[in-house]
């Protein structure tokens, strides 16, 4: 029979740090995608659909970042700590 281990507070805080780093990374991807959309918007021969597709991807990245931050805050609360403001 397998036993489940319960993460300790330091382990939970490490997960919080990782989630926040992933959220920052996703925000960075969103910025890069929006930058690419802006650059391609001025280029001749760029397919008309590319800007909208890049914006959808950027929005998905921003949504993922927000969800990762929410997960980090919930995990932090579970660990008994308040999120920084």
N, C-alpha and C. Protein backbone atom coordinates (compact mmCIF):
# COMPACT_ATOMS: atom_id res chain seq x y z
N UNK A 1 0.84 -1.16 0.00
CA UNK A 1 0.00 0.00 0.00
C UNK A 1 0.89 1.24 0.00
N UNK A 2 0.62 2.15 -0.91
CA UNK A 2 1.40 3.38 -1.01
C UNK A 2 0.91 4.39 0.01
N UNK A 3 1.84 5.10 0.58
CA UNK A 3 1.46 6.18 1.50
C UNK A 3 1.72 7.51 0.82
N UNK A 4 0.81 8.43 1.07
CA UNK A 4 0.97 9.76 0.49
C UNK A 4 1.78 10.62 1.44
N UNK A 5 2.70 11.38 0.88
CA UNK A 5 3.45 12.30 1.71
C UNK A 5 2.85 13.70 1.54
N UNK A 6 2.82 14.41 2.62
CA UNK A 6 2.29 15.77 2.61
C UNK A 6 3.46 16.73 2.50
N UNK A 7 3.42 17.63 1.50
CA UNK A 7 4.54 18.56 1.35
C UNK A 7 4.69 19.45 2.58
N UNK A 8 5.92 19.73 2.92
CA UNK A 8 6.20 20.64 4.03
C UNK A 8 6.06 22.07 3.56
N UNK A 9 5.99 23.01 4.50
CA UNK A 9 5.87 24.42 4.14
C UNK A 9 7.00 24.87 3.20
N UNK A 10 8.25 24.51 3.46
CA UNK A 10 9.31 24.92 2.52
C UNK A 10 9.11 24.36 1.11
N UNK A 11 8.60 23.13 1.03
CA UNK A 11 8.33 22.55 -0.29
C UNK A 11 7.21 23.30 -0.99
N UNK A 12 6.17 23.65 -0.23
CA UNK A 12 5.07 24.42 -0.82
C UNK A 12 5.57 25.79 -1.29
N UNK A 13 6.41 26.41 -0.50
CA UNK A 13 6.95 27.72 -0.89
C UNK A 13 7.81 27.61 -2.14
N UNK A 14 8.50 26.49 -2.30
CA UNK A 14 9.28 26.28 -3.53
C UNK A 14 8.36 26.16 -4.73
N UNK A 15 7.22 25.49 -4.55
CA UNK A 15 6.24 25.40 -5.64
C UNK A 15 5.68 26.78 -5.98
N UNK A 16 5.44 27.59 -4.96
CA UNK A 16 4.94 28.95 -5.17
C UNK A 16 5.94 29.74 -6.01
N UNK A 17 7.21 29.62 -5.66
CA UNK A 17 8.26 30.30 -6.42
C UNK A 17 8.27 29.84 -7.86
N UNK A 18 8.15 28.54 -8.07
CA UNK A 18 8.14 28.00 -9.43
C UNK A 18 6.92 28.49 -10.22
N UNK A 19 5.75 28.49 -9.57
CA UNK A 19 4.54 28.97 -10.25
C UNK A 19 4.66 30.43 -10.65
N UNK A 20 5.23 31.23 -9.77
CA UNK A 20 5.41 32.65 -10.09
C UNK A 20 6.39 32.84 -11.24
N UNK A 21 7.45 32.04 -11.24
CA UNK A 21 8.43 32.12 -12.33
C UNK A 21 7.78 31.72 -13.65
N UNK A 22 6.96 30.69 -13.61
CA UNK A 22 6.25 30.26 -14.82
C UNK A 22 5.29 31.35 -15.29
N UNK A 23 4.62 32.02 -14.34
CA UNK A 23 3.71 33.11 -14.70
C UNK A 23 4.48 34.25 -15.37
N UNK A 24 5.62 34.59 -14.82
CA UNK A 24 6.45 35.64 -15.42
C UNK A 24 6.89 35.25 -16.83
N UNK A 25 7.23 33.98 -16.98
CA UNK A 25 7.65 33.48 -18.30
C UNK A 25 6.50 33.59 -19.30
N UNK A 26 5.29 33.23 -18.88
CA UNK A 26 4.13 33.32 -19.77
C UNK A 26 3.82 34.77 -20.13
N UNK A 27 3.98 35.69 -19.18
CA UNK A 27 3.80 37.11 -19.49
C UNK A 27 4.83 37.56 -20.53
N UNK A 28 6.04 37.06 -20.39
CA UNK A 28 7.09 37.37 -21.37
C UNK A 28 6.74 36.86 -22.75
N UNK A 29 6.20 35.65 -22.81
CA UNK A 29 5.79 35.10 -24.10
C UNK A 29 4.68 35.96 -24.72
N UNK A 30 3.75 36.40 -23.88
CA UNK A 30 2.66 37.24 -24.38
C UNK A 30 3.22 38.54 -24.97
N UNK A 31 4.17 39.15 -24.27
CA UNK A 31 4.79 40.39 -24.79
C UNK A 31 5.50 40.14 -26.11
N UNK A 32 6.23 39.03 -26.19
CA UNK A 32 6.96 38.71 -27.43
C UNK A 32 6.00 38.48 -28.59
N UNK A 33 4.91 37.76 -28.31
CA UNK A 33 3.93 37.49 -29.36
C UNK A 33 3.28 38.79 -29.84
N UNK A 34 2.95 39.67 -28.91
CA UNK A 34 2.35 40.96 -29.30
C UNK A 34 3.36 41.80 -30.08
N UNK A 35 4.62 41.73 -29.68
CA UNK A 35 5.65 42.44 -30.42
C UNK A 35 5.80 41.90 -31.83
N UNK A 36 5.75 40.59 -31.96
CA UNK A 36 5.84 39.98 -33.29
C UNK A 36 4.65 40.38 -34.14
N UNK A 37 3.47 40.41 -33.53
CA UNK A 37 2.27 40.82 -34.27
C UNK A 37 2.41 42.26 -34.76
N UNK A 38 2.94 43.12 -33.92
CA UNK A 38 3.14 44.52 -34.31
C UNK A 38 4.16 44.66 -35.42
N UNK A 39 5.23 43.88 -35.34
CA UNK A 39 6.26 43.92 -36.37
C UNK A 39 5.72 43.41 -37.70
N UNK A 40 5.02 42.29 -37.64
CA UNK A 40 4.50 41.70 -38.87
C UNK A 40 3.39 42.54 -39.50
N UNK A 41 2.70 43.31 -38.67
CA UNK A 41 1.62 44.15 -39.18
C UNK A 41 2.12 45.13 -40.24
N UNK A 42 3.35 45.56 -40.11
CA UNK A 42 3.90 46.52 -41.07
C UNK A 42 4.65 45.88 -42.23
N UNK A 43 4.71 44.57 -42.29
CA UNK A 43 5.45 43.88 -43.33
C UNK A 43 4.54 43.50 -44.50
N UNK A 44 5.01 43.83 -45.68
CA UNK A 44 4.27 43.43 -46.88
C UNK A 44 4.32 41.92 -47.02
N UNK A 45 3.25 41.35 -47.46
CA UNK A 45 3.20 39.91 -47.71
C UNK A 45 2.84 39.08 -46.49
N UNK A 46 2.63 39.73 -45.36
CA UNK A 46 2.24 38.99 -44.17
C UNK A 46 0.78 38.59 -44.30
N UNK A 47 0.45 37.34 -44.05
CA UNK A 47 -0.96 36.93 -44.14
C UNK A 47 -1.83 37.76 -43.20
N UNK A 48 -3.00 38.11 -43.64
CA UNK A 48 -3.89 38.93 -42.85
C UNK A 48 -4.31 38.30 -41.54
N UNK A 49 -4.33 37.00 -41.49
CA UNK A 49 -4.76 36.30 -40.28
C UNK A 49 -3.68 36.22 -39.21
N UNK A 50 -2.43 36.51 -39.56
CA UNK A 50 -1.33 36.27 -38.62
C UNK A 50 -1.42 37.14 -37.37
N UNK A 51 -1.81 38.40 -37.54
CA UNK A 51 -1.89 39.28 -36.37
C UNK A 51 -2.93 38.80 -35.37
N UNK A 52 -4.09 38.41 -35.88
CA UNK A 52 -5.15 37.91 -34.99
C UNK A 52 -4.73 36.60 -34.31
N UNK A 53 -4.05 35.74 -35.05
CA UNK A 53 -3.60 34.47 -34.47
C UNK A 53 -2.57 34.71 -33.37
N UNK A 54 -1.63 35.62 -33.62
CA UNK A 54 -0.63 35.93 -32.60
C UNK A 54 -1.27 36.59 -31.38
N UNK A 55 -2.25 37.43 -31.60
CA UNK A 55 -2.94 38.08 -30.47
C UNK A 55 -3.71 37.05 -29.65
N UNK A 56 -4.34 36.07 -30.30
CA UNK A 56 -5.03 35.01 -29.56
C UNK A 56 -4.04 34.22 -28.70
N UNK A 57 -2.89 33.91 -29.27
CA UNK A 57 -1.87 33.19 -28.52
C UNK A 57 -1.37 34.03 -27.35
N UNK A 58 -1.18 35.32 -27.58
CA UNK A 58 -0.73 36.22 -26.51
C UNK A 58 -1.76 36.28 -25.40
N UNK A 59 -3.03 36.35 -25.77
CA UNK A 59 -4.09 36.38 -24.76
C UNK A 59 -4.12 35.08 -23.96
N UNK A 60 -3.89 33.96 -24.63
CA UNK A 60 -3.85 32.67 -23.93
C UNK A 60 -2.69 32.63 -22.94
N UNK A 61 -1.56 33.18 -23.34
CA UNK A 61 -0.40 33.24 -22.44
C UNK A 61 -0.70 34.12 -21.23
N UNK A 62 -1.34 35.27 -21.46
CA UNK A 62 -1.68 36.17 -20.37
C UNK A 62 -2.68 35.50 -19.41
N UNK A 63 -3.63 34.77 -19.96
CA UNK A 63 -4.59 34.05 -19.13
C UNK A 63 -3.88 32.98 -18.30
N UNK A 64 -2.98 32.26 -18.93
CA UNK A 64 -2.23 31.23 -18.21
C UNK A 64 -1.41 31.86 -17.09
N UNK A 65 -0.80 33.02 -17.35
CA UNK A 65 -0.02 33.71 -16.32
C UNK A 65 -0.91 34.08 -15.14
N UNK A 66 -2.09 34.60 -15.41
CA UNK A 66 -3.00 34.97 -14.34
C UNK A 66 -3.41 33.75 -13.52
N UNK A 67 -3.66 32.65 -14.20
CA UNK A 67 -4.06 31.42 -13.50
C UNK A 67 -2.91 30.84 -12.67
N UNK A 68 -1.71 30.93 -13.19
CA UNK A 68 -0.55 30.48 -12.43
C UNK A 68 -0.36 31.32 -11.18
N UNK A 69 -0.56 32.63 -11.29
CA UNK A 69 -0.44 33.51 -10.13
C UNK A 69 -1.54 33.21 -9.11
N UNK A 70 -2.73 32.93 -9.59
CA UNK A 70 -3.82 32.56 -8.69
C UNK A 70 -3.51 31.25 -7.97
N UNK A 71 -2.95 30.30 -8.69
CA UNK A 71 -2.57 29.03 -8.08
C UNK A 71 -1.48 29.25 -7.03
N UNK A 72 -0.54 30.12 -7.34
CA UNK A 72 0.53 30.42 -6.37
C UNK A 72 -0.05 31.05 -5.12
N UNK A 73 -0.99 31.98 -5.29
CA UNK A 73 -1.60 32.63 -4.14
C UNK A 73 -2.39 31.63 -3.29
N UNK A 74 -3.10 30.73 -3.96
CA UNK A 74 -3.87 29.72 -3.22
C UNK A 74 -2.94 28.77 -2.47
N UNK A 75 -1.86 28.38 -3.09
CA UNK A 75 -0.91 27.50 -2.44
C UNK A 75 -0.24 28.20 -1.27
N UNK A 76 0.05 29.48 -1.44
CA UNK A 76 0.64 30.26 -0.37
C UNK A 76 -0.32 30.36 0.81
N UNK A 77 -1.59 30.57 0.54
CA UNK A 77 -2.59 30.62 1.60
C UNK A 77 -2.68 29.26 2.29
N UNK A 78 -2.61 28.20 1.51
CA UNK A 78 -2.66 26.86 2.07
C UNK A 78 -1.45 26.61 2.98
N UNK A 79 -0.32 27.19 2.62
CA UNK A 79 0.89 27.03 3.42
C UNK A 79 0.86 27.92 4.66
N UNK A 80 -0.17 28.76 4.76
CA UNK A 80 -0.30 29.61 5.93
C UNK A 80 0.41 30.93 5.83
N UNK A 81 0.70 31.35 4.62
CA UNK A 81 1.38 32.63 4.40
C UNK A 81 0.50 33.54 3.60
N UNK A 82 0.66 34.82 3.76
CA UNK A 82 -0.09 35.78 2.96
C UNK A 82 0.75 36.16 1.74
N UNK A 83 0.09 36.31 0.57
CA UNK A 83 0.85 36.71 -0.62
C UNK A 83 1.37 38.13 -0.48
N UNK A 84 2.53 38.42 -1.07
CA UNK A 84 3.05 39.79 -1.03
C UNK A 84 2.17 40.71 -1.86
N UNK A 85 2.13 41.95 -1.49
CA UNK A 85 1.32 42.92 -2.22
C UNK A 85 2.13 43.66 -3.23
